[in-house]
C-alpha cells in the first residue's frame, strides 16, 4: 500500500504463530482485524504502520465456538456474524444490543469485536457488555497464552493491556447462570452512527422468587476507560429492583463517573445521563431475566 512516499507491507498469516513471527519482525506493524477504524486513520496520516497484518485468515480468530460452559468469539469475527449467532442472541442479548450499534450495516460486515476492544475507546459499544457478562480476553504472546478480564483490558483512551508483540486471539464468555440476562444502551447526539455521550451495560441474576442475587453494572464514555461499578451492582443485589434500589444504583453509577467537558456533552450532563441509563438498562435486564 502506498501512503505519501512510503510503502507499507501487507501480510496475511494463516496461524497465530505466524502472526506473532511477523509482529516480531515488524515492530511497527499494526493488526488489521477489519480495518474500519485503522484504514481511516491511516488515510488521514494518523497511523503509519510499517506493515498491516491481516488476521482474518487465521481460523482461531474467525471462529465462534459454543460449548456447555460458554462461548469463545474469535477476535476478528465480524460484528454481523456475532449478532446473527443463535447462542449469543439467546444467552447475551445485551452484547447483541451493543455490537449491533457498531457503525453501519456495511461496517458490521468487516468490523470486529476484537478491533472494537483493541481501539481502547472508553465509549466502545461492545466493551461494556463484555465486562457486564464477565468476559475474559485470551492473548497470545511469544511466551504463551495469557488471559485478562475484559474490565482490566482497556487501561486508558487508546491504550490496552496488550504488550508489544502480543495478539488478542479471542474473548471467552462464561455461560450465564439460570435466570440471568443482560442489556446495553447508550445516548448519542444523533439518531445513528455516533459515539456515545454515556452508556450503560447491566447483567443481573434472579433467584426463582424474583430476587436479584447478583448484578454487574458497567458505565462507558464517562471516564478514561469503561468502568465496572461494584457499588451499583451491590445496590441491586438482594432486591427486586424496586424503584428505591434502581435509584441507589443510579446514584452509585453517577458517583463513579469521571467525565470530561467536550463538544458532545458537559460533565454535569454526562453524570446525570449515566444515572438515568442505569435505571433504564437495569429494568430491561430484569424484564429479560424474568422471561428466563
C-alpha atoms as a PDB file:
ATOM      1  CA  UNK A   1       0.000   0.000   0.000  1.00  0.00           C
ATOM      2  CA  UNK A   2       1.228   3.499  -0.772  1.00  0.00           C
ATOM      3  CA  UNK A   3       0.879   6.428   1.582  1.00  0.00           C
ATOM      4  CA  UNK A   4       2.728   9.542   0.548  1.00  0.00           C
ATOM      5  CA  UNK A   5       6.185   8.343  -0.500  1.00  0.00           C
ATOM      6  CA  UNK A   6       6.320   5.292   1.771  1.00  0.00           C
ATOM      7  CA  UNK A   7       5.358   1.718   1.030  1.00  0.00           C
ATOM      8  CA  UNK A   8       3.596  -0.304   3.738  1.00  0.00           C
ATOM      9  CA  UNK A   9       3.852  -4.081   3.709  1.00  0.00           C
ATOM     10  CA  UNK A  10       0.743  -6.285   3.780  1.00  0.00           C
ATOM     11  CA  UNK A  11       0.956  -9.683   5.477  1.00  0.00           C
ATOM     12  CA  UNK A  12      -1.821 -12.280   5.852  1.00  0.00           C
ATOM     13  CA  UNK A  13      -0.569 -15.047   8.157  1.00  0.00           C
ATOM     14  CA  UNK A  14      -2.561 -18.272   8.434  1.00  0.00           C
ATOM     15  CA  UNK A  15      -1.763 -19.135  12.060  1.00  0.00           C
ATOM     16  CA  UNK A  16      -1.352 -17.313  15.369  1.00  0.00           C
ATOM     17  CA  UNK A  17       2.304 -18.416  15.494  1.00  0.00           C
ATOM     18  CA  UNK A  18       2.936 -16.929  12.046  1.00  0.00           C
ATOM     19  CA  UNK A  19       1.235 -13.682  13.085  1.00  0.00           C
ATOM     20  CA  UNK A  20       3.488 -13.419  16.163  1.00  0.00           C
ATOM     21  CA  UNK A  21       6.543 -14.018  13.962  1.00  0.00           C
ATOM     22  CA  UNK A  22       5.537 -11.240  11.574  1.00  0.00           C
ATOM     23  CA  UNK A  23       4.885  -8.913  14.512  1.00  0.00           C
ATOM     24  CA  UNK A  24       8.332  -9.700  15.904  1.00  0.00           C
ATOM     25  CA  UNK A  25       9.916  -8.984  12.514  1.00  0.00           C
ATOM     26  CA  UNK A  26       7.973  -5.717  12.095  1.00  0.00           C
ATOM     27  CA  UNK A  27       7.710  -3.979  15.494  1.00  0.00           C
ATOM     28  CA  UNK A  28       5.903  -1.059  13.835  1.00  0.00           C
ATOM     29  CA  UNK A  29       3.222  -3.289  12.299  1.00  0.00           C
ATOM     30  CA  UNK A  30      -0.471  -2.985  13.128  1.00  0.00           C
ATOM     31  CA  UNK A  31      -3.176  -5.637  13.207  1.00  0.00           C
ATOM     32  CA  UNK A  32      -5.876  -5.442  10.551  1.00  0.00           C
ATOM     33  CA  UNK A  33      -8.934  -7.200  12.028  1.00  0.00           C
ATOM     34  CA  UNK A  34     -11.426  -5.439   9.765  1.00  0.00           C
ATOM     35  CA  UNK A  35      -9.792  -2.081   9.218  1.00  0.00           C
ATOM     36  CA  UNK A  36     -12.904   0.039   9.631  1.00  0.00           C
ATOM     37  CA  UNK A  37     -11.017   2.349  12.026  1.00  0.00           C
ATOM     38  CA  UNK A  38      -7.385   1.633  11.178  1.00  0.00           C
ATOM     39  CA  UNK A  39      -7.616   2.317   7.435  1.00  0.00           C
ATOM     40  CA  UNK A  40      -9.429   5.609   8.034  1.00  0.00           C
ATOM     41  CA  UNK A  41      -6.697   6.651  10.486  1.00  0.00           C
ATOM     42  CA  UNK A  42      -4.022   5.525   8.004  1.00  0.00           C
ATOM     43  CA  UNK A  43      -5.509   7.540   5.149  1.00  0.00           C
ATOM     44  CA  UNK A  44      -5.650  10.585   7.421  1.00  0.00           C
ATOM     45  CA  UNK A  45      -1.981  10.147   8.331  1.00  0.00           C
ATOM     46  CA  UNK A  46      -2.775   9.492  11.990  1.00  0.00           C
ATOM     47  CA  UNK A  47      -1.328   5.964  11.859  1.00  0.00           C
ATOM     48  CA  UNK A  48       1.784   4.974   9.938  1.00  0.00           C
ATOM     49  CA  UNK A  49       2.357   1.243  10.488  1.00  0.00           C
ATOM     50  CA  UNK A  50       5.416  -0.432   8.973  1.00  0.00           C
ATOM     51  CA  UNK A  51       3.134  -3.303   7.944  1.00  0.00           C
ATOM     52  CA  UNK A  52      -0.521  -4.332   8.030  1.00  0.00           C
ATOM     53  CA  UNK A  53      -1.063  -7.813   9.455  1.00  0.00           C
ATOM     54  CA  UNK A  54      -4.437  -9.098   8.247  1.00  0.00           C
ATOM     55  CA  UNK A  55      -5.625 -11.686  10.794  1.00  0.00           C
ATOM     56  CA  UNK A  56      -8.876 -12.612   9.051  1.00  0.00           C
ATOM     57  CA  UNK A  57      -7.216 -15.714   7.539  1.00  0.00           C
ATOM     58  CA  UNK A  58      -6.411 -17.231  10.939  1.00  0.00           C
ATOM     59  CA  UNK A  59      -9.154 -19.819  11.709  1.00  0.00           C
ATOM     60  CA  UNK A  60      -8.927 -19.302  15.504  1.00  0.00           C
ATOM     61  CA  UNK A  61      -9.593 -15.592  15.148  1.00  0.00           C
ATOM     62  CA  UNK A  62     -12.543 -16.132  12.781  1.00  0.00           C
ATOM     63  CA  UNK A  63     -14.447 -18.796  14.762  1.00  0.00           C
ATOM     64  CA  UNK A  64     -17.369 -18.675  17.190  1.00  0.00           C
ATOM     65  CA  UNK A  65     -17.256 -21.815  19.328  1.00  0.00           C
ATOM     66  CA  UNK A  66     -20.108 -22.607  21.714  1.00  0.00           C
ATOM     67  CA  UNK A  67     -19.940 -25.369  24.317  1.00  0.00           C
ATOM     68  CA  UNK A  68     -21.713 -26.300  27.533  1.00  0.00           C
ATOM     69  CA  UNK A  69     -19.763 -23.771  29.614  1.00  0.00           C
ATOM     70  CA  UNK A  70     -19.797 -20.724  27.337  1.00  0.00           C
ATOM     71  CA  UNK A  71     -18.812 -19.237  24.012  1.00  0.00           C
ATOM     72  CA  UNK A  72     -15.438 -18.256  22.568  1.00  0.00           C
ATOM     73  CA  UNK A  73     -15.556 -15.475  19.984  1.00  0.00           C
ATOM     74  CA  UNK A  74     -12.529 -15.026  17.730  1.00  0.00           C
ATOM     75  CA  UNK A  75     -11.083 -11.525  17.831  1.00  0.00           C
ATOM     76  CA  UNK A  76     -11.530 -10.983  14.068  1.00  0.00           C
ATOM     77  CA  UNK A  77     -15.139 -12.255  13.843  1.00  0.00           C
ATOM     78  CA  UNK A  78     -17.286  -9.623  12.153  1.00  0.00           C
ATOM     79  CA  UNK A  79     -19.932  -7.809  14.176  1.00  0.00           C
ATOM     80  CA  UNK A  80     -22.656  -9.049  11.800  1.00  0.00           C
ATOM     81  CA  UNK A  81     -21.738 -12.695  12.492  1.00  0.00           C
ATOM     82  CA  UNK A  82     -21.912 -12.131  16.247  1.00  0.00           C
ATOM     83  CA  UNK A  83     -25.346 -10.528  16.013  1.00  0.00           C
ATOM     84  CA  UNK A  84     -26.627 -13.439  13.878  1.00  0.00           C
ATOM     85  CA  UNK A  85     -25.305 -16.237  16.109  1.00  0.00           C
ATOM     86  CA  UNK A  86     -28.222 -18.069  17.775  1.00  0.00           C
ATOM     87  CA  UNK A  87     -26.403 -18.938  21.029  1.00  0.00           C
ATOM     88  CA  UNK A  88     -25.072 -15.406  21.503  1.00  0.00           C
ATOM     89  CA  UNK A  89     -28.510 -13.955  20.787  1.00  0.00           C
ATOM     90  CA  UNK A  90     -30.084 -16.316  23.321  1.00  0.00           C
ATOM     91  CA  UNK A  91     -27.527 -16.019  26.119  1.00  0.00           C
ATOM     92  CA  UNK A  92     -26.265 -12.421  25.772  1.00  0.00           C
ATOM     93  CA  UNK A  93     -28.890 -10.160  24.199  1.00  0.00           C
ATOM     94  CA  UNK A  94     -27.115  -7.202  25.831  1.00  0.00           C
ATOM     95  CA  UNK A  95     -23.938  -7.962  23.914  1.00  0.00           C
ATOM     96  CA  UNK A  96     -26.004  -8.024  20.722  1.00  0.00           C
ATOM     97  CA  UNK A  97     -27.525  -4.665  21.810  1.00  0.00           C
ATOM     98  CA  UNK A  98     -24.008  -3.223  21.843  1.00  0.00           C
ATOM     99  CA  UNK A  99     -22.436  -4.954  18.859  1.00  0.00           C
ATOM    100  CA  UNK A 100     -25.285  -4.035  16.520  1.00  0.00           C
ATOM    101  CA  UNK A 101     -24.604  -0.365  17.278  1.00  0.00           C
ATOM    102  CA  UNK A 102     -21.056  -0.538  15.882  1.00  0.00           C
ATOM    103  CA  UNK A 103     -21.149   1.608  12.736  1.00  0.00           C
ATOM    104  CA  UNK A 104     -23.350   0.918   9.747  1.00  0.00           C
ATOM    105  CA  UNK A 105     -24.527  -2.372   8.240  1.00  0.00           C
ATOM    106  CA  UNK A 106     -21.570  -2.250   5.844  1.00  0.00           C
ATOM    107  CA  UNK A 107     -19.086  -1.677   8.672  1.00  0.00           C
ATOM    108  CA  UNK A 108     -20.562  -4.576  10.650  1.00  0.00           C
ATOM    109  CA  UNK A 109     -19.688  -6.898   7.771  1.00  0.00           C
ATOM    110  CA  UNK A 110     -15.990  -6.169   8.343  1.00  0.00           C
ATOM    111  CA  UNK A 111     -15.563  -4.525  11.743  1.00  0.00           C
ATOM    112  CA  UNK A 112     -14.688  -6.983  14.502  1.00  0.00           C
ATOM    113  CA  UNK A 113     -15.260  -7.424  18.217  1.00  0.00           C
ATOM    114  CA  UNK A 114     -11.500  -7.542  18.764  1.00  0.00           C
ATOM    115  CA  UNK A 115     -10.998  -4.328  16.845  1.00  0.00           C
ATOM    116  CA  UNK A 116     -13.687  -2.579  18.900  1.00  0.00           C
ATOM    117  CA  UNK A 117     -11.972  -3.763  22.083  1.00  0.00           C
ATOM    118  CA  UNK A 118      -8.393  -3.057  20.968  1.00  0.00           C
ATOM    119  CA  UNK A 119      -9.200   0.526  19.962  1.00  0.00           C
ATOM    120  CA  UNK A 120      -9.248   1.162  23.703  1.00  0.00           C
ATOM    121  CA  UNK A 121     -12.124   3.622  23.459  1.00  0.00           C
ATOM    122  CA  UNK A 122     -13.977   4.405  26.701  1.00  0.00           C
ATOM    123  CA  UNK A 123     -17.109   4.730  24.525  1.00  0.00           C
ATOM    124  CA  UNK A 124     -16.803   1.377  22.688  1.00  0.00           C
ATOM    125  CA  UNK A 125     -20.247  -0.221  22.439  1.00  0.00           C
ATOM    126  CA  UNK A 126     -19.150  -3.856  22.836  1.00  0.00           C
ATOM    127  CA  UNK A 127     -16.724  -3.453  25.737  1.00  0.00           C
ATOM    128  CA  UNK A 128     -19.239  -2.589  28.460  1.00  0.00           C
ATOM    129  CA  UNK A 129     -21.488  -5.510  27.568  1.00  0.00           C
ATOM    130  CA  UNK A 130     -18.495  -7.885  27.609  1.00  0.00           C
ATOM    131  CA  UNK A 131     -17.499  -6.655  31.063  1.00  0.00           C
ATOM    132  CA  UNK A 132     -21.056  -6.958  32.398  1.00  0.00           C
ATOM    133  CA  UNK A 133     -21.098 -10.634  31.411  1.00  0.00           C
ATOM    134  CA  UNK A 134     -17.688 -11.429  32.919  1.00  0.00           C
ATOM    135  CA  UNK A 135     -15.831 -11.893  29.618  1.00  0.00           C
ATOM    136  CA  UNK A 136     -12.131 -12.780  29.565  1.00  0.00           C
ATOM    137  CA  UNK A 137      -9.650 -11.866  26.817  1.00  0.00           C
ATOM    138  CA  UNK A 138      -7.278 -14.591  25.551  1.00  0.00           C
ATOM    139  CA  UNK A 139      -3.975 -13.082  24.448  1.00  0.00           C
ATOM    140  CA  UNK A 140      -1.183 -14.817  22.521  1.00  0.00           C
ATOM    141  CA  UNK A 141       2.360 -13.752  23.391  1.00  0.00           C
ATOM    142  CA  UNK A 142       5.734 -15.125  22.304  1.00  0.00           C
ATOM    143  CA  UNK A 143       5.949 -16.750  25.759  1.00  0.00           C
ATOM    144  CA  UNK A 144       2.494 -18.393  25.555  1.00  0.00           C
ATOM    145  CA  UNK A 145      -1.174 -17.569  26.086  1.00  0.00           C
ATOM    146  CA  UNK A 146      -2.427 -15.387  28.933  1.00  0.00           C
ATOM    147  CA  UNK A 147      -5.887 -14.256  29.988  1.00  0.00           C
ATOM    148  CA  UNK A 148      -7.100 -10.858  31.154  1.00  0.00           C
ATOM    149  CA  UNK A 149     -10.606  -9.996  32.432  1.00  0.00           C
ATOM    150  CA  UNK A 150     -12.073  -7.516  29.956  1.00  0.00           C
ATOM    151  CA  UNK A 151     -12.572  -4.946  32.734  1.00  0.00           C
ATOM    152  CA  UNK A 152      -8.750  -4.837  33.001  1.00  0.00           C
ATOM    153  CA  UNK A 153      -8.087  -4.781  29.242  1.00  0.00           C
ATOM    154  CA  UNK A 154      -8.558  -1.069  28.477  1.00  0.00           C
ATOM    155  CA  UNK A 155      -6.031   0.945  30.503  1.00  0.00           C
ATOM    156  CA  UNK A 156      -6.600   4.449  29.117  1.00  0.00           C
ATOM    157  CA  UNK A 157      -8.038   6.010  25.948  1.00  0.00           C
ATOM    158  CA  UNK A 158      -6.311   4.161  23.094  1.00  0.00           C
ATOM    159  CA  UNK A 159      -4.169   2.061  25.454  1.00  0.00           C
ATOM    160  CA  UNK A 160      -4.805  -1.616  26.226  1.00  0.00           C
ATOM    161  CA  UNK A 161      -3.218  -4.430  28.209  1.00  0.00           C
ATOM    162  CA  UNK A 162      -1.576  -5.778  25.033  1.00  0.00           C
ATOM    163  CA  UNK A 163       2.201  -5.597  25.251  1.00  0.00           C
ATOM    164  CA  UNK A 164       4.283  -5.105  22.069  1.00  0.00           C
ATOM    165  CA  UNK A 165       4.267  -8.306  20.040  1.00  0.00           C
ATOM    166  CA  UNK A 166       1.062  -9.657  21.637  1.00  0.00           C
ATOM    167  CA  UNK A 167      -2.149 -10.554  19.792  1.00  0.00           C
ATOM    168  CA  UNK A 168      -5.740 -10.695  21.046  1.00  0.00           C
ATOM    169  CA  UNK A 169      -6.925 -14.122  19.887  1.00  0.00           C
ATOM    170  CA  UNK A 170     -10.429 -14.403  21.343  1.00  0.00           C
ATOM    171  CA  UNK A 171     -12.892 -13.391  24.023  1.00  0.00           C
ATOM    172  CA  UNK A 172     -14.480 -16.033  26.255  1.00  0.00           C
ATOM    173  CA  UNK A 173     -17.937 -15.517  27.748  1.00  0.00           C
ATOM    174  CA  UNK A 174     -18.952 -17.907  30.534  1.00  0.00           C
ATOM    175  CA  UNK A 175     -22.441 -19.374  30.160  1.00  0.00           C
ATOM    176  CA  UNK A 176     -24.896 -17.236  32.151  1.00  0.00           C
ATOM    177  CA  UNK A 177     -26.345 -18.690  35.340  1.00  0.00           C
ATOM    178  CA  UNK A 178     -30.033 -19.562  35.383  1.00  0.00           C
ATOM    179  CA  UNK A 179     -32.380 -16.533  35.322  1.00  0.00           C
ATOM    180  CA  UNK A 180     -29.558 -14.234  34.169  1.00  0.00           C
ATOM    181  CA  UNK A 181     -29.876 -11.590  31.462  1.00  0.00           C
ATOM    182  CA  UNK A 182     -28.055  -8.519  30.240  1.00  0.00           C
ATOM    183  CA  UNK A 183     -28.854  -5.270  28.434  1.00  0.00           C
ATOM    184  CA  UNK A 184     -26.996  -2.293  26.975  1.00  0.00           C
ATOM    185  CA  UNK A 185     -27.967   1.228  25.953  1.00  0.00           C
ATOM    186  CA  UNK A 186     -26.173   4.431  25.041  1.00  0.00           C
ATOM    187  CA  UNK A 187     -27.135   8.050  24.499  1.00  0.00           C
ATOM    188  CA  UNK A 188     -25.874   9.694  21.313  1.00  0.00           C
ATOM    189  CA  UNK A 189     -26.431  13.217  19.944  1.00  0.00           C
ATOM    190  CA  UNK A 190     -27.587  11.942  16.546  1.00  0.00           C
ATOM    191  CA  UNK A 191     -30.031   9.190  15.685  1.00  0.00           C
ATOM    192  CA  UNK A 192     -27.410   6.709  14.455  1.00  0.00           C
ATOM    193  CA  UNK A 193     -23.731   6.062  13.718  1.00  0.00           C
ATOM    194  CA  UNK A 194     -22.423   8.288  16.503  1.00  0.00           C
ATOM    195  CA  UNK A 195     -20.234   7.891  19.576  1.00  0.00           C
ATOM    196  CA  UNK A 196     -21.843   7.528  22.990  1.00  0.00           C
ATOM    197  CA  UNK A 197     -22.084  10.516  25.311  1.00  0.00           C
ATOM    198  CA  UNK A 198     -22.780   7.955  28.037  1.00  0.00           C
ATOM    199  CA  UNK A 199     -23.545   4.239  28.009  1.00  0.00           C
ATOM    200  CA  UNK A 200     -24.505   1.512  30.475  1.00  0.00           C
ATOM    201  CA  UNK A 201     -24.434  -2.290  30.425  1.00  0.00           C
ATOM    202  CA  UNK A 202     -26.102  -4.363  33.137  1.00  0.00           C
ATOM    203  CA  UNK A 203     -26.225  -8.086  33.831  1.00  0.00           C
ATOM    204  CA  UNK A 204     -28.457  -9.425  36.596  1.00  0.00           C
ATOM    205  CA  UNK A 205     -29.222 -12.836  38.067  1.00  0.00           C
ATOM    206  CA  UNK A 206     -32.518 -13.622  39.788  1.00  0.00           C
ATOM    207  CA  UNK A 207     -33.482 -16.439  42.118  1.00  0.00           C
ATOM    208  CA  UNK A 208     -36.748 -18.349  41.430  1.00  0.00           C
ATOM    209  CA  UNK A 209     -38.679 -15.867  43.581  1.00  0.00           C
ATOM    210  CA  UNK A 210     -37.513 -12.908  41.501  1.00  0.00           C
ATOM    211  CA  UNK A 211     -34.951 -11.565  43.973  1.00  0.00           C
ATOM    212  CA  UNK A 212     -31.720 -10.281  42.442  1.00  0.00           C
ATOM    213  CA  UNK A 213     -28.821 -12.408  43.694  1.00  0.00           C
ATOM    214  CA  UNK A 214     -26.036 -10.793  41.630  1.00  0.00           C
ATOM    215  CA  UNK A 215     -25.606  -7.767  39.381  1.00  0.00           C
ATOM    216  CA  UNK A 216     -22.842  -6.181  37.326  1.00  0.00           C
ATOM    217  CA  UNK A 217     -23.181  -2.575  36.186  1.00  0.00           C
ATOM    218  CA  UNK A 218     -20.738  -1.046  33.691  1.00  0.00           C
ATOM    219  CA  UNK A 219     -20.621   2.590  32.612  1.00  0.00           C
ATOM    220  CA  UNK A 220     -18.974   3.885  29.420  1.00  0.00           C
ATOM    221  CA  UNK A 221     -17.937   7.189  27.829  1.00  0.00           C
ATOM    222  CA  UNK A 222     -17.895   8.879  31.246  1.00  0.00           C
ATOM    223  CA  UNK A 223     -14.349   8.009  32.378  1.00  0.00           C
ATOM    224  CA  UNK A 224     -10.975   7.281  30.720  1.00  0.00           C
ATOM    225  CA  UNK A 225     -11.991   3.609  30.483  1.00  0.00           C
ATOM    226  CA  UNK A 226     -15.240   1.642  30.666  1.00  0.00           C
ATOM    227  CA  UNK A 227     -15.883   1.145  34.384  1.00  0.00           C
ATOM    228  CA  UNK A 228     -17.328  -1.773  36.318  1.00  0.00           C
ATOM    229  CA  UNK A 229     -19.163  -0.146  39.246  1.00  0.00           C
ATOM    230  CA  UNK A 230     -19.376  -2.673  42.127  1.00  0.00           C
ATOM    231  CA  UNK A 231     -21.369  -0.211  44.262  1.00  0.00           C
ATOM    232  CA  UNK A 232     -24.116  -0.055  41.641  1.00  0.00           C
ATOM    233  CA  UNK A 233     -24.258  -3.861  41.423  1.00  0.00           C
ATOM    234  CA  UNK A 234     -24.397  -4.074  45.214  1.00  0.00           C
ATOM    235  CA  UNK A 235     -27.322  -1.625  45.243  1.00  0.00           C
ATOM    236  CA  UNK A 236     -29.330  -4.029  43.077  1.00  0.00           C
ATOM    237  CA  UNK A 237     -28.312  -7.303  44.754  1.00  0.00           C
ATOM    238  CA  UNK A 238     -30.748  -8.540  47.382  1.00  0.00           C
ATOM    239  CA  UNK A 239     -33.643  -6.505  45.940  1.00  0.00           C
ATOM    240  CA  UNK A 240     -36.453  -6.993  43.441  1.00  0.00           C
ATOM    241  CA  UNK A 241     -35.047  -3.972  41.538  1.00  0.00           C
ATOM    242  CA  UNK A 242     -37.759  -1.780  43.054  1.00  0.00           C
ATOM    243  CA  UNK A 243     -37.661   1.976  42.448  1.00  0.00           C
ATOM    244  CA  UNK A 244     -35.515   2.637  45.536  1.00  0.00           C
ATOM    245  CA  UNK A 245     -32.935   0.038  44.515  1.00  0.00           C
ATOM    246  CA  UNK A 246     -32.769   1.425  40.966  1.00  0.00           C
ATOM    247  CA  UNK A 247     -32.298   4.933  42.359  1.00  0.00           C
ATOM    248  CA  UNK A 248     -29.422   3.763  44.613  1.00  0.00           C
ATOM    249  CA  UNK A 249     -27.770   2.053  41.639  1.00  0.00           C
ATOM    250  CA  UNK A 250     -28.178   5.209  39.540  1.00  0.00           C
ATOM    251  CA  UNK A 251     -26.578   7.348  42.242  1.00  0.00           C
ATOM    252  CA  UNK A 252     -23.674   4.899  42.522  1.00  0.00           C
ATOM    253  CA  UNK A 253     -23.144   4.967  38.748  1.00  0.00           C
ATOM    254  CA  UNK A 254     -23.214   8.766  38.662  1.00  0.00           C
ATOM    255  CA  UNK A 255     -20.792   8.930  41.611  1.00  0.00           C
ATOM    256  CA  UNK A 256     -18.324   6.621  39.833  1.00  0.00           C
ATOM    257  CA  UNK A 257     -18.387   8.649  36.602  1.00  0.00           C
ATOM    258  CA  UNK A 258     -15.360  10.824  35.854  1.00  0.00           C
ATOM    259  CA  UNK A 259     -16.408  12.522  32.615  1.00  0.00           C
ATOM    260  CA  UNK A 260     -14.901  15.435  30.743  1.00  0.00           C
ATOM    261  CA  UNK A 261     -16.488  18.513  29.206  1.00  0.00           C
ATOM    262  CA  UNK A 262     -16.359  18.429  25.424  1.00  0.00           C
ATOM    263  CA  UNK A 263     -18.487  19.366  22.431  1.00  0.00           C
ATOM    264  CA  UNK A 264     -20.542  16.201  22.928  1.00  0.00           C
ATOM    265  CA  UNK A 265     -21.657  16.912  26.486  1.00  0.00           C
ATOM    266  CA  UNK A 266     -20.799  18.572  29.774  1.00  0.00           C
ATOM    267  CA  UNK A 267     -19.631  16.844  32.943  1.00  0.00           C
ATOM    268  CA  UNK A 268     -22.976  17.534  34.636  1.00  0.00           C
ATOM    269  CA  UNK A 269     -24.988  16.251  31.675  1.00  0.00           C
ATOM    270  CA  UNK A 270     -22.993  13.040  31.322  1.00  0.00           C
ATOM    271  CA  UNK A 271     -23.113  12.389  35.069  1.00  0.00           C
ATOM    272  CA  UNK A 272     -26.901  12.738  35.088  1.00  0.00           C
ATOM    273  CA  UNK A 273     -27.449  10.719  31.919  1.00  0.00           C
ATOM    274  CA  UNK A 274     -25.397   7.752  33.122  1.00  0.00           C
ATOM    275  CA  UNK A 275     -27.630   7.515  36.194  1.00  0.00           C
ATOM    276  CA  UNK A 276     -30.791   7.662  34.090  1.00  0.00           C
ATOM    277  CA  UNK A 277     -29.422   4.967  31.752  1.00  0.00           C
ATOM    278  CA  UNK A 278     -28.520   2.737  34.702  1.00  0.00           C
ATOM    279  CA  UNK A 279     -32.152   2.617  35.829  1.00  0.00           C
ATOM    280  CA  UNK A 280     -33.428   2.096  32.299  1.00  0.00           C
ATOM    281  CA  UNK A 281     -30.952  -0.651  31.367  1.00  0.00           C
ATOM    282  CA  UNK A 282     -31.329  -2.494  34.683  1.00  0.00           C
ATOM    283  CA  UNK A 283     -35.103  -2.583  34.104  1.00  0.00           C
ATOM    284  CA  UNK A 284     -34.587  -4.099  30.638  1.00  0.00           C
ATOM    285  CA  UNK A 285     -32.200  -6.727  32.039  1.00  0.00           C
ATOM    286  CA  UNK A 286     -34.774  -7.507  34.753  1.00  0.00           C
ATOM    287  CA  UNK A 287     -37.528  -7.993  32.196  1.00  0.00           C
ATOM    288  CA  UNK A 288     -35.320 -10.328  30.152  1.00  0.00           C
ATOM    289  CA  UNK A 289     -34.236 -12.310  33.236  1.00  0.00           C
ATOM    290  CA  UNK A 290     -37.881 -12.840  34.245  1.00  0.00           C
ATOM    291  CA  UNK A 291     -38.574 -14.346  30.822  1.00  0.00           C
ATOM    292  CA  UNK A 292     -35.966 -16.973  31.572  1.00  0.00           C
END
